[in-house]
PDB file of N, CA and C in Angstrom:
ATOM      1  N   MET A   1       6.868  -0.367  25.101  1.00  0.00           N
ATOM      2  CA  MET A   1       5.798  -0.625  24.160  1.00  0.00           C
ATOM      3  C   MET A   1       6.366  -1.001  22.787  1.00  0.00           C
ATOM      4  N   ILE A   2       7.445  -0.331  22.414  1.00  0.00           N
ATOM      5  CA  ILE A   2       8.059  -0.629  21.124  1.00  0.00           C
ATOM      6  C   ILE A   2       8.674  -2.021  21.144  1.00  0.00           C
ATOM      7  N   ARG A   3       9.232  -2.409  22.265  1.00  0.00           N
ATOM      8  CA  ARG A   3       9.816  -3.757  22.370  1.00  0.00           C
ATOM      9  C   ARG A   3       8.751  -4.831  22.268  1.00  0.00           C
ATOM     10  N   VAL A   4       7.601  -4.578  22.858  1.00  0.00           N
ATOM     11  CA  VAL A   4       6.498  -5.553  22.781  1.00  0.00           C
ATOM     12  C   VAL A   4       6.036  -5.690  21.337  1.00  0.00           C
ATOM     13  N   PHE A   5       5.901  -4.567  20.646  1.00  0.00           N
ATOM     14  CA  PHE A   5       5.493  -4.603  19.242  1.00  0.00           C
ATOM     15  C   PHE A   5       6.525  -5.327  18.388  1.00  0.00           C
ATOM     16  N   ALA A   6       7.791  -5.052  18.633  1.00  0.00           N
ATOM     17  CA  ALA A   6       8.858  -5.721  17.884  1.00  0.00           C
ATOM     18  C   ALA A   6       8.848  -7.222  18.145  1.00  0.00           C
ATOM     19  N   LEU A   7       8.629  -7.612  19.388  1.00  0.00           N
ATOM     20  CA  LEU A   7       8.574  -9.034  19.731  1.00  0.00           C
ATOM     21  C   LEU A   7       7.379  -9.713  19.060  1.00  0.00           C
ATOM     22  N   LEU A   8       6.227  -9.062  19.087  1.00  0.00           N
ATOM     23  CA  LEU A   8       5.048  -9.633  18.435  1.00  0.00           C
ATOM     24  C   LEU A   8       5.248  -9.733  16.921  1.00  0.00           C
ATOM     25  N   SER A   9       5.861  -8.727  16.327  1.00  0.00           N
ATOM     26  CA  SER A   9       6.142  -8.777  14.892  1.00  0.00           C
ATOM     27  C   SER A   9       7.069  -9.932  14.560  1.00  0.00           C
ATOM     28  N   PHE A  10       8.088 -10.118  15.384  1.00  0.00           N
ATOM     29  CA  PHE A  10       9.010 -11.220  15.174  1.00  0.00           C
ATOM     30  C   PHE A  10       8.301 -12.565  15.294  1.00  0.00           C
ATOM     31  N   LEU A  11       7.426 -12.706  16.271  1.00  0.00           N
ATOM     32  CA  LEU A  11       6.699 -13.968  16.452  1.00  0.00           C
ATOM     33  C   LEU A  11       5.766 -14.254  15.281  1.00  0.00           C
ATOM     34  N   VAL A  12       5.114 -13.223  14.763  1.00  0.00           N
ATOM     35  CA  VAL A  12       4.234 -13.420  13.606  1.00  0.00           C
ATOM     36  C   VAL A  12       5.054 -13.832  12.390  1.00  0.00           C
ATOM     37  N   LEU A  13       6.196 -13.196  12.182  1.00  0.00           N
ATOM     38  CA  LEU A  13       7.062 -13.557  11.064  1.00  0.00           C
ATOM     39  C   LEU A  13       7.585 -14.981  11.214  1.00  0.00           C
ATOM     40  N   ALA A  14       7.987 -15.356  12.422  1.00  0.00           N
ATOM     41  CA  ALA A  14       8.483 -16.710  12.659  1.00  0.00           C
ATOM     42  C   ALA A  14       7.382 -17.740  12.410  1.00  0.00           C
ATOM     43  N   ALA A  15       6.166 -17.431  12.820  1.00  0.00           N
ATOM     44  CA  ALA A  15       5.044 -18.353  12.591  1.00  0.00           C
ATOM     45  C   ALA A  15       4.750 -18.486  11.108  1.00  0.00           C
ATOM     46  N   ALA A  16       4.813 -17.372  10.382  1.00  0.00           N
ATOM     47  CA  ALA A  16       4.567 -17.426   8.939  1.00  0.00           C
ATOM     48  C   ALA A  16       5.620 -18.275   8.239  1.00  0.00           C
ATOM     49  N   LEU A  17       6.863 -18.159   8.670  1.00  0.00           N
ATOM     50  CA  LEU A  17       7.917 -18.979   8.070  1.00  0.00           C
ATOM     51  C   LEU A  17       7.805 -20.442   8.477  1.00  0.00           C
ATOM     52  N   ALA A  18       7.402 -20.688   9.719  1.00  0.00           N
ATOM     53  CA  ALA A  18       7.290 -22.068  10.197  1.00  0.00           C
ATOM     54  C   ALA A  18       6.118 -22.792   9.548  1.00  0.00           C
ATOM     55  N   PHE A  19       5.009 -22.088   9.395  1.00  0.00           N
ATOM     56  CA  PHE A  19       3.817 -22.714   8.839  1.00  0.00           C
ATOM     57  C   PHE A  19       3.642 -22.402   7.364  1.00  0.00           C
ATOM     58  N   GLY A  20       4.611 -21.738   6.755  1.00  0.00           N
ATOM     59  CA  GLY A  20       4.533 -21.343   5.348  1.00  0.00           C
ATOM     60  C   GLY A  20       4.236 -22.479   4.403  1.00  0.00           C
ATOM     61  N   PRO A  21       4.948 -23.611   4.494  1.00  0.00           N
ATOM     62  CA  PRO A  21       4.656 -24.700   3.553  1.00  0.00           C
ATOM     63  C   PRO A  21       3.230 -25.227   3.659  1.00  0.00           C
ATOM     64  N   SER A  22       2.639 -25.175   4.841  1.00  0.00           N
ATOM     65  CA  SER A  22       1.265 -25.663   4.968  1.00  0.00           C
ATOM     66  C   SER A  22       0.267 -24.657   4.430  1.00  0.00           C
ATOM     67  N   LEU A  23       0.664 -23.385   4.313  1.00  0.00           N
ATOM     68  CA  LEU A  23      -0.228 -22.362   3.789  1.00  0.00           C
ATOM     69  C   LEU A  23      -0.063 -22.147   2.303  1.00  0.00           C
ATOM     70  N   MET A  24       0.890 -22.818   1.699  1.00  0.00           N
ATOM     71  CA  MET A  24       1.149 -22.602   0.287  1.00  0.00           C
ATOM     72  C   MET A  24       0.154 -23.382  -0.557  1.00  0.00           C
ATOM     73  N   ALA A  25      -0.457 -22.668  -1.491  1.00  0.00           N
ATOM     74  CA  ALA A  25      -1.410 -23.293  -2.399  1.00  0.00           C
ATOM     75  C   ALA A  25      -0.653 -23.810  -3.619  1.00  0.00           C
ATOM     76  N   PRO A  26      -1.194 -24.810  -4.280  1.00  0.00           N
ATOM     77  CA  PRO A  26      -0.506 -25.318  -5.462  1.00  0.00           C
ATOM     78  C   PRO A  26      -0.579 -24.320  -6.616  1.00  0.00           C
ATOM     79  N   ALA A  27       0.484 -24.223  -7.345  1.00  0.00           N
ATOM     80  CA  ALA A  27       0.535 -23.396  -8.545  1.00  0.00           C
ATOM     81  C   ALA A  27       0.739 -24.314  -9.736  1.00  0.00           C
ATOM     82  N   VAL A  28       0.130 -23.974 -10.828  1.00  0.00           N
ATOM     83  CA  VAL A  28       0.195 -24.796 -12.027  1.00  0.00           C
ATOM     84  C   VAL A  28       1.141 -24.143 -13.022  1.00  0.00           C
ATOM     85  N   ALA A  29       2.124 -24.892 -13.476  1.00  0.00           N
ATOM     86  CA  ALA A  29       3.036 -24.389 -14.508  1.00  0.00           C
ATOM     87  C   ALA A  29       2.557 -24.914 -15.849  1.00  0.00           C
ATOM     88  N   GLN A  30       2.412 -24.005 -16.802  1.00  0.00           N
ATOM     89  CA  GLN A  30       1.919 -24.407 -18.109  1.00  0.00           C
ATOM     90  C   GLN A  30       2.928 -24.094 -19.180  1.00  0.00           C
ATOM     91  N   GLY A  31       3.258 -25.094 -19.952  1.00  0.00           N
ATOM     92  CA  GLY A  31       4.090 -24.931 -21.129  1.00  0.00           C
ATOM     93  C   GLY A  31       5.307 -24.052 -20.905  1.00  0.00           C
ATOM     94  N   SER A  32       5.808 -23.515 -21.965  1.00  0.00           N
ATOM     95  CA  SER A  32       6.947 -22.610 -21.863  1.00  0.00           C
ATOM     96  C   SER A  32       6.489 -21.215 -22.215  1.00  0.00           C
ATOM     97  N   GLY A  33       7.137 -20.251 -21.612  1.00  0.00           N
ATOM     98  CA  GLY A  33       6.825 -18.852 -21.884  1.00  0.00           C
ATOM     99  C   GLY A  33       7.472 -18.406 -23.178  1.00  0.00           C
ATOM    100  N   SER A  34       7.805 -17.138 -23.231  1.00  0.00           N
ATOM    101  CA  SER A  34       8.379 -16.587 -24.453  1.00  0.00           C
ATOM    102  C   SER A  34       9.799 -17.087 -24.699  1.00  0.00           C
ATOM    103  N   GLY A  35      10.549 -17.416 -23.617  1.00  0.00           N
ATOM    104  CA  GLY A  35      11.914 -17.903 -23.778  1.00  0.00           C
ATOM    105  C   GLY A  35      11.983 -19.398 -23.577  1.00  0.00           C
ATOM    106  N   SER A  36      13.077 -19.981 -23.974  1.00  0.00           N
ATOM    107  CA  SER A  36      13.199 -21.431 -23.852  1.00  0.00           C
ATOM    108  C   SER A  36      13.425 -21.865 -22.411  1.00  0.00           C
ATOM    109  N   GLY A  37      13.991 -21.000 -21.556  1.00  0.00           N
ATOM    110  CA  GLY A  37      14.261 -21.358 -20.169  1.00  0.00           C
ATOM    111  C   GLY A  37      13.234 -20.800 -19.212  1.00  0.00           C
ATOM    112  N   VAL A  38      12.011 -20.527 -19.705  1.00  0.00           N
ATOM    113  CA  VAL A  38      10.982 -19.874 -18.900  1.00  0.00           C
ATOM    114  C   VAL A  38       9.709 -20.700 -18.927  1.00  0.00           C
ATOM    115  N   LYS A  39       9.017 -20.743 -17.792  1.00  0.00           N
ATOM    116  CA  LYS A  39       7.690 -21.359 -17.750  1.00  0.00           C
ATOM    117  C   LYS A  39       6.708 -20.359 -17.154  1.00  0.00           C
ATOM    118  N   VAL A  40       5.453 -20.513 -17.490  1.00  0.00           N
ATOM    119  CA  VAL A  40       4.406 -19.621 -17.009  1.00  0.00           C
ATOM    120  C   VAL A  40       3.697 -20.301 -15.841  1.00  0.00           C
ATOM    121  N   CYS A  41       3.613 -19.603 -14.724  1.00  0.00           N
ATOM    122  CA  CYS A  41       2.942 -20.129 -13.529  1.00  0.00           C
ATOM    123  C   CYS A  41       1.584 -19.459 -13.392  1.00  0.00           C
ATOM    124  N   LYS A  42       0.590 -20.228 -12.962  1.00  0.00           N
ATOM    125  CA  LYS A  42      -0.758 -19.704 -12.769  1.00  0.00           C
ATOM    126  C   LYS A  42      -1.296 -20.172 -11.424  1.00  0.00           C
ATOM    127  N   ALA A  43      -1.982 -19.283 -10.708  1.00  0.00           N
ATOM    128  CA  ALA A  43      -2.617 -19.638  -9.446  1.00  0.00           C
ATOM    129  C   ALA A  43      -3.839 -18.755  -9.242  1.00  0.00           C
ATOM    130  N   LYS A  44      -4.763 -19.261  -8.467  1.00  0.00           N
ATOM    131  CA  LYS A  44      -5.978 -18.511  -8.160  1.00  0.00           C
ATOM    132  C   LYS A  44      -5.758 -17.700  -6.885  1.00  0.00           C
ATOM    133  N   THR A  45      -6.059 -16.408  -6.925  1.00  0.00           N
ATOM    134  CA  THR A  45      -5.897 -15.538  -5.766  1.00  0.00           C
ATOM    135  C   THR A  45      -7.075 -15.738  -4.811  1.00  0.00           C
ATOM    136  N   PRO A  46      -6.954 -15.274  -3.567  1.00  0.00           N
ATOM    137  CA  PRO A  46      -8.090 -15.382  -2.640  1.00  0.00           C
ATOM    138  C   PRO A  46      -9.332 -14.635  -3.143  1.00  0.00           C
ATOM    139  N   GLN A  47      -9.151 -13.642  -4.015  1.00  0.00           N
ATOM    140  CA  GLN A  47     -10.283 -12.904  -4.573  1.00  0.00           C
ATOM    141  C   GLN A  47     -10.929 -13.636  -5.741  1.00  0.00           C
ATOM    142  N   GLY A  48     -10.335 -14.749  -6.167  1.00  0.00           N
ATOM    143  CA  GLY A  48     -10.902 -15.550  -7.242  1.00  0.00           C
ATOM    144  C   GLY A  48     -10.319 -15.260  -8.618  1.00  0.00           C
ATOM    145  N   LYS A  49      -9.391 -14.322  -8.718  1.00  0.00           N
ATOM    146  CA  LYS A  49      -8.782 -14.001 -10.004  1.00  0.00           C
ATOM    147  C   LYS A  49      -7.615 -14.945 -10.270  1.00  0.00           C
ATOM    148  N   ILE A  50      -7.238 -15.064 -11.526  1.00  0.00           N
ATOM    149  CA  ILE A  50      -6.108 -15.894 -11.914  1.00  0.00           C
ATOM    150  C   ILE A  50      -4.866 -15.004 -12.023  1.00  0.00           C
ATOM    151  N   LYS A  51      -3.817 -15.358 -11.295  1.00  0.00           N
ATOM    152  CA  LYS A  51      -2.548 -14.631 -11.307  1.00  0.00           C
ATOM    153  C   LYS A  51      -1.566 -15.422 -12.152  1.00  0.00           C
ATOM    154  N   LYS A  52      -0.864 -14.750 -13.068  1.00  0.00           N
ATOM    155  CA  LYS A  52       0.139 -15.390 -13.914  1.00  0.00           C
ATOM    156  C   LYS A  52       1.477 -14.696 -13.713  1.00  0.00           C
ATOM    157  N   TRP A  53       2.553 -15.481 -13.688  1.00  0.00           N
ATOM    158  CA  TRP A  53       3.908 -14.958 -13.633  1.00  0.00           C
ATOM    159  C   TRP A  53       4.847 -15.970 -14.242  1.00  0.00           C
ATOM    160  N   ARG A  54       6.062 -15.538 -14.553  1.00  0.00           N
ATOM    161  CA  ARG A  54       7.036 -16.409 -15.215  1.00  0.00           C
ATOM    162  C   ARG A  54       8.180 -16.742 -14.271  1.00  0.00           C
ATOM    163  N   CYS A  55       8.602 -17.998 -14.339  1.00  0.00           N
ATOM    164  CA  CYS A  55       9.752 -18.481 -13.568  1.00  0.00           C
ATOM    165  C   CYS A  55      10.670 -19.255 -14.512  1.00  0.00           C
ATOM    166  N   GLY A  56      11.890 -19.468 -14.085  1.00  0.00           N
ATOM    167  CA  GLY A  56      12.819 -20.291 -14.851  1.00  0.00           C
ATOM    168  C   GLY A  56      12.390 -21.748 -14.816  1.00  0.00           C
ATOM    169  N   LYS A  57      12.839 -22.508 -15.804  1.00  0.00           N
ATOM    170  CA  LYS A  57      12.473 -23.930 -15.882  1.00  0.00           C
ATOM    171  C   LYS A  57      12.886 -24.696 -14.633  1.00  0.00           C
ATOM    172  N   ASP A  58      13.999 -24.312 -13.991  1.00  0.00           N
ATOM    173  CA  ASP A  58      14.487 -25.030 -12.824  1.00  0.00           C
ATOM    174  C   ASP A  58      13.974 -24.450 -11.511  1.00  0.00           C
ATOM    175  N   GLN A  59      13.040 -23.510 -11.566  1.00  0.00           N
ATOM    176  CA  GLN A  59      12.481 -22.896 -10.368  1.00  0.00           C
ATOM    177  C   GLN A  59      11.051 -23.363 -10.147  1.00  0.00           C
ATOM    178  N   ALA A  60      10.671 -23.478  -8.886  1.00  0.00           N
ATOM    179  CA  ALA A  60       9.305 -23.852  -8.536  1.00  0.00           C
ATOM    180  C   ALA A  60       8.412 -22.617  -8.554  1.00  0.00           C
ATOM    181  N   CYS A  61       7.135 -22.820  -8.840  1.00  0.00           N
ATOM    182  CA  CYS A  61       6.146 -21.749  -8.751  1.00  0.00           C
ATOM    183  C   CYS A  61       5.658 -21.709  -7.305  1.00  0.00           C
ATOM    184  N   CYS A  62       5.881 -20.605  -6.619  1.00  0.00           N
ATOM    185  CA  CYS A  62       5.564 -20.510  -5.192  1.00  0.00           C
ATOM    186  C   CYS A  62       4.396 -19.563  -4.952  1.00  0.00           C
ATOM    187  N   VAL A  63       3.446 -20.032  -4.154  1.00  0.00           N
ATOM    188  CA  VAL A  63       2.284 -19.229  -3.790  1.00  0.00           C
ATOM    189  C   VAL A  63       2.114 -19.298  -2.291  1.00  0.00           C
ATOM    190  N   ASN A  64       1.982 -18.144  -1.655  1.00  0.00           N
ATOM    191  CA  ASN A  64       1.684 -18.081  -0.234  1.00  0.00           C
ATOM    192  C   ASN A  64       0.393 -17.287  -0.095  1.00  0.00           C
ATOM    193  N   SER A  65      -0.716 -17.984   0.110  1.00  0.00           N
ATOM    194  CA  SER A  65      -2.021 -17.339   0.189  1.00  0.00           C
ATOM    195  C   SER A  65      -2.141 -16.455   1.423  1.00  0.00           C
ATOM    196  N   PHE A  66      -1.482 -16.831   2.500  1.00  0.00           N
ATOM    197  CA  PHE A  66      -1.560 -16.063   3.745  1.00  0.00           C
ATOM    198  C   PHE A  66      -0.965 -14.667   3.567  1.00  0.00           C
ATOM    199  N   LEU A  67       0.184 -14.578   2.886  1.00  0.00           N
ATOM    200  CA  LEU A  67       0.844 -13.295   2.666  1.00  0.00           C
ATOM    201  C   LEU A  67       0.518 -12.694   1.306  1.00  0.00           C
ATOM    202  N   ASN A  68      -0.273 -13.405   0.494  1.00  0.00           N
ATOM    203  CA  ASN A  68      -0.667 -12.966  -0.844  1.00  0.00           C
ATOM    204  C   ASN A  68       0.559 -12.667  -1.709  1.00  0.00           C
ATOM    205  N   THR A  69       1.494 -13.622  -1.740  1.00  0.00           N
ATOM    206  CA  THR A  69       2.699 -13.462  -2.541  1.00  0.00           C
ATOM    207  C   THR A  69       2.780 -14.578  -3.578  1.00  0.00           C
ATOM    208  N   TYR A  70       3.283 -14.219  -4.743  1.00  0.00           N
ATOM    209  CA  TYR A  70       3.452 -15.144  -5.859  1.00  0.00           C
ATOM    210  C   TYR A  70       4.858 -14.934  -6.378  1.00  0.00           C
ATOM    211  N   SER A  71       5.703 -15.956  -6.265  1.00  0.00           N
ATOM    212  CA  SER A  71       7.108 -15.789  -6.626  1.00  0.00           C
ATOM    213  C   SER A  71       7.671 -17.088  -7.181  1.00  0.00           C
ATOM    214  N   CYS A  72       8.940 -17.036  -7.528  1.00  0.00           N
ATOM    215  CA  CYS A  72       9.664 -18.201  -8.020  1.00  0.00           C
ATOM    216  C   CYS A  72      10.553 -18.742  -6.912  1.00  0.00           C
ATOM    217  N   GLY A  73      10.676 -20.054  -6.849  1.00  0.00           N
ATOM    218  CA  GLY A  73      11.502 -20.687  -5.834  1.00  0.00           C
ATOM    219  C   GLY A  73      12.972 -20.641  -6.184  1.00  0.00           C
ATOM    220  N   ILE A  74      13.763 -21.147  -5.284  1.00  0.00           N
ATOM    221  CA  ILE A  74      15.211 -21.214  -5.458  1.00  0.00           C
ATOM    222  C   ILE A  74      15.555 -22.579  -6.025  1.00  0.00           C
ATOM    223  N   PRO A  75      16.336 -22.630  -7.109  1.00  0.00           N
ATOM    224  CA  PRO A  75      16.707 -23.941  -7.663  1.00  0.00           C
ATOM    225  C   PRO A  75      17.375 -24.832  -6.630  1.00  0.00           C
ATOM    226  N   GLY A  76      16.895 -26.043  -6.505  1.00  0.00           N
ATOM    227  CA  GLY A  76      17.448 -26.993  -5.549  1.00  0.00           C
ATOM    228  C   GLY A  76      16.795 -26.927  -4.183  1.00  0.00           C
ATOM    229  N   LEU A  77      16.244 -25.788  -3.797  1.00  0.00           N
ATOM    230  CA  LEU A  77      15.610 -25.640  -2.491  1.00  0.00           C
ATOM    231  C   LEU A  77      14.088 -25.538  -2.574  1.00  0.00           C
ATOM    232  N   GLY A  78      13.576 -25.162  -3.705  1.00  0.00           N
ATOM    233  CA  GLY A  78      12.137 -25.023  -3.860  1.00  0.00           C
ATOM    234  C   GLY A  78      11.636 -23.741  -3.211  1.00  0.00           C
ATOM    235  N   CYS A  79      10.421 -23.802  -2.692  1.00  0.00           N
ATOM    236  CA  CYS A  79       9.795 -22.636  -2.058  1.00  0.00           C
ATOM    237  C   CYS A  79      10.201 -22.585  -0.584  1.00  0.00           C
ATOM    238  N   LEU A  80      10.688 -21.444  -0.157  1.00  0.00           N
ATOM    239  CA  LEU A  80      11.066 -21.270   1.251  1.00  0.00           C
ATOM    240  C   LEU A  80      10.074 -20.398   1.959  1.00  0.00           C
TER     241      LEU A  80
END
């Protein structure tokens, strides 16, 4: 039973990673934050609220609505 659960968990994680780019909502970067190498990212949550966070100038603003995560991308690779 534990092996079946582990296998299903792995399949769900693999599907989330495979279909992640199609589930990612656009995030809007506005101006610069408090530092010169920082930008402010904004996105609308599934509940309708506005989420704000800061990323480096060379990082993408990443939003995954399926997993409800808001993060900064990797320079050169973008959102993974």
